[in-house]
Protein backbone atom coordinates (compact mmCIF):
# COMPACT_ATOMS: atom_id res chain seq x y z
CA MET A 1 -25.04 81.61 -10.66
CA ASN A 2 -25.96 83.75 -7.64
CA GLU A 3 -29.65 83.40 -8.53
CA ILE A 4 -29.33 79.62 -8.44
CA ILE A 5 -27.46 79.72 -5.12
CA ASN A 6 -30.19 81.96 -3.69
CA ALA A 7 -32.90 79.57 -4.92
CA ILE A 8 -31.07 76.62 -3.36
CA THR A 9 -30.70 78.59 -0.11
CA VAL A 10 -34.44 79.28 0.07
CA THR A 11 -35.32 75.70 -0.83
CA ALA A 12 -32.91 74.35 1.79
CA GLU A 13 -34.42 76.61 4.44
CA LEU A 14 -37.98 75.63 3.54
CA THR A 15 -37.10 71.93 3.65
CA GLN A 16 -35.30 72.36 6.97
CA THR A 17 -31.96 71.42 5.44
CA GLN A 18 -28.67 72.88 6.61
CA LEU A 19 -26.14 73.34 3.82
CA SER A 20 -22.91 75.27 3.99
CA ALA A 21 -22.25 78.07 1.54
CA VAL A 22 -19.61 75.89 -0.12
CA ALA A 23 -22.05 72.99 -0.49
CA MET A 24 -24.70 75.26 -2.04
CA ALA A 25 -22.17 76.79 -4.45
CA THR A 26 -20.93 73.33 -5.44
CA MET A 27 -24.49 72.13 -5.95
CA ALA A 28 -25.32 75.21 -8.05
CA LYS A 29 -22.21 74.78 -10.18
CA GLY A 30 -22.86 71.09 -10.80
CA LEU A 31 -26.49 71.62 -11.71
CA SER A 32 -25.85 74.65 -13.94
CA GLU A 33 -23.26 72.71 -15.97
CA LYS A 34 -25.94 70.27 -17.12
CA TYR A 35 -29.27 72.09 -16.83
CA SER A 36 -30.63 75.53 -17.71
CA ARG A 37 -31.43 78.13 -15.06
CA ASP A 38 -35.18 77.78 -15.74
CA GLU A 39 -35.05 73.98 -15.43
CA ILE A 40 -33.23 74.27 -12.10
CA PHE A 41 -35.74 76.83 -10.81
CA ARG A 42 -38.68 74.58 -11.78
CA ALA A 43 -37.04 71.57 -10.08
CA LEU A 44 -36.36 73.58 -6.92
CA GLU A 45 -39.97 74.78 -6.91
CA ARG A 46 -41.11 71.17 -7.10
CA CYS A 47 -38.75 70.33 -4.23
CA ARG A 48 -40.31 73.09 -2.12
CA ASN A 49 -43.86 72.03 -2.97
CA GLU A 50 -43.64 68.25 -3.16
CA MET A 51 -40.68 66.99 -1.16
CA GLU A 52 -41.06 65.50 2.25
CA GLY A 53 -37.70 65.50 3.90
CA ARG A 54 -34.39 67.17 3.41
CA LEU A 55 -33.08 68.74 0.22
CA SER A 56 -30.36 66.83 -1.60
CA GLN A 57 -28.75 67.05 -5.00
CA PRO A 58 -30.10 63.61 -6.02
CA ALA A 59 -33.63 64.82 -5.17
CA ILE A 60 -33.20 67.88 -7.39
CA ILE A 61 -31.81 65.73 -10.21
CA ARG A 62 -34.73 63.30 -9.84
CA PHE A 63 -37.17 66.18 -10.39
CA LEU A 64 -35.10 67.44 -13.33
CA ASN A 65 -35.16 63.98 -14.92
CA GLU A 66 -38.91 63.67 -14.42
CA MET A 67 -39.42 66.94 -16.28
CA ASP A 68 -37.75 65.66 -19.46
CA GLY A 69 -40.85 63.68 -20.44
CA ARG A 70 -39.26 60.25 -20.31
CA PRO A 71 -40.93 57.58 -18.19
CA GLY A 72 -39.50 56.66 -14.83
CA ALA A 73 -38.11 53.20 -14.16
CA ASN A 74 -41.40 51.73 -12.93
CA GLU A 75 -43.40 53.16 -15.83
CA ALA A 76 -40.82 51.94 -18.37
CA TRP A 77 -40.93 48.47 -16.79
CA SER A 78 -44.71 48.30 -17.09
CA MET A 79 -44.44 49.32 -20.75
CA ALA A 80 -41.79 46.68 -21.41
CA LEU A 81 -43.92 43.98 -19.76
CA GLN A 82 -46.78 44.72 -22.16
CA ALA A 83 -44.51 43.79 -25.06
CA PHE A 84 -44.66 40.14 -23.95
CA ASP A 85 -48.43 40.04 -24.58
CA GLU A 86 -48.95 38.83 -28.16
CA ASN A 87 -52.37 40.50 -28.27
CA LYS A 88 -50.90 43.98 -27.77
CA THR A 89 -48.90 46.24 -29.99
CA VAL A 90 -46.25 48.14 -28.07
CA VAL A 91 -43.64 50.56 -29.35
CA LEU A 92 -40.47 50.58 -27.26
CA ASN A 93 -37.01 52.05 -27.61
CA ASP A 94 -33.67 50.71 -26.40
CA GLU A 95 -33.73 52.89 -23.29
CA ILE A 96 -37.04 51.39 -22.13
CA MET A 97 -35.83 47.87 -22.88
CA GLU A 98 -32.81 48.44 -20.62
């Protein structure tokens, strides 16, 4: 857990975000309950390299969700719209249809 807290600390500093020690520990605990250490490290690296603005838990989770290979909301919507074209064959699942 300390490694994750340290990674969050570095990422916060590099994104000019002030977080208390308690906030970082809470963030680390919440993330580590759902994601692996390696997934969290990759998401924090993406935050450091790609984010413009302050670090937040929703931003980290957004990067984690993008890494799972599923399409984002806009991409899923464009796939679902293609299903209305009778000249196209589209394979969709329930999650995309939502």
